[in-house]
Protein backbone atom coordinates (compact mmCIF):
# COMPACT_ATOMS: atom_id res chain seq x y z
CA MET A 1 5.49 -0.48 6.79
CA ALA A 2 6.76 0.55 10.15
CA HIS A 3 6.40 4.14 11.35
CA HIS A 4 8.16 6.11 13.90
CA THR A 5 5.45 7.84 15.98
CA PRO A 6 6.74 11.18 17.36
CA SER A 7 6.11 11.82 20.95
CA THR A 8 4.81 15.28 20.11
CA ILE A 9 3.27 16.75 16.98
CA ASN A 10 4.68 20.09 15.96
CA ALA A 11 4.00 22.59 13.16
CA PHE A 12 6.30 20.79 10.78
CA HIS A 13 4.33 17.61 11.09
CA TRP A 14 1.15 19.47 10.10
CA HIS A 15 2.96 20.99 7.10
CA GLU A 16 4.29 17.63 6.14
CA ALA A 17 0.79 16.00 6.38
CA LEU A 18 -0.63 18.77 4.24
CA ASP A 19 2.14 18.40 1.63
CA ARG A 20 1.54 14.62 1.37
CA GLY A 21 -2.24 15.14 1.04
CA CYS A 22 -1.63 17.65 -1.81
CA ILE A 23 0.68 15.16 -3.47
CA CYS A 24 -2.00 12.47 -3.25
CA MET A 25 -4.65 14.84 -4.73
CA LYS A 26 -2.31 15.64 -7.55
CA MET A 27 -1.79 11.92 -8.21
CA ILE A 28 -5.54 11.30 -8.25
CA ASP A 29 -5.99 14.19 -10.70
CA GLN A 30 -3.22 13.18 -13.02
CA LEU A 31 -3.15 9.43 -12.74
CA LEU A 32 -6.67 8.32 -12.05
CA LEU A 33 -9.15 10.90 -13.17
CA GLN A 34 -7.46 11.27 -16.54
CA HIS A 35 -7.14 7.54 -17.09
CA PRO A 36 -9.49 6.27 -19.81
CA VAL A 37 -10.78 3.34 -17.65
CA ILE A 38 -11.90 5.83 -14.96
CA SER A 39 -12.95 8.75 -17.17
CA ARG A 40 -15.09 6.51 -19.37
CA ASN A 41 -16.78 4.55 -16.54
CA GLU A 42 -19.34 6.67 -14.76
CA ASP A 43 -19.48 4.56 -11.62
CA LEU A 44 -15.68 4.44 -11.23
CA LEU A 45 -15.40 8.16 -12.08
CA LYS A 46 -17.92 9.06 -9.39
CA LYS A 47 -16.08 6.98 -6.78
CA VAL A 48 -12.65 8.52 -7.58
CA GLN A 49 -14.15 11.96 -7.55
CA GLN A 50 -15.69 11.26 -4.09
CA ALA A 51 -12.34 10.00 -2.80
CA ARG A 52 -10.64 13.13 -4.13
CA SER A 53 -13.33 15.29 -2.50
CA ILE A 54 -12.88 13.56 0.84
CA LEU A 55 -9.13 14.01 0.62
CA SER A 56 -9.57 17.68 -0.32
CA ASP A 57 -11.79 18.15 2.80
CA ALA A 58 -9.12 16.51 4.95
CA CYS A 59 -6.42 18.76 3.46
CA ARG A 60 -8.50 21.87 4.21
CA GLU A 61 -8.85 20.70 7.83
CA ILE A 62 -5.15 19.92 8.06
CA ALA A 63 -4.36 23.46 6.74
CA SER A 64 -6.71 25.03 9.20
CA ARG A 65 -5.33 23.04 12.12
CA SER A 66 -1.76 23.73 11.11
CA MET A 67 -2.37 27.46 11.53
CA ASP A 68 -3.27 26.73 15.15
CA ALA A 69 -0.16 24.54 15.55
CA GLU A 70 2.05 27.43 14.35
CA GLY A 71 1.27 29.38 17.53
CA GLU A 72 2.23 26.44 19.83
């Protein structure tokens, strides 16, 4: 998949990244964590929960950094 890389990152880009991260977390919650293969397999459940936790941390950081970008 080819991307267009913007020459500058603005506040909209931060907001967009946060939105996409939140969508991914919602998908993990609804499509993976609730799936019986995941929910009934302790090892898989733990891995998916860890992935969601890492993504949640990234979203918090994006949100925090987006506040700084708003002033630019």
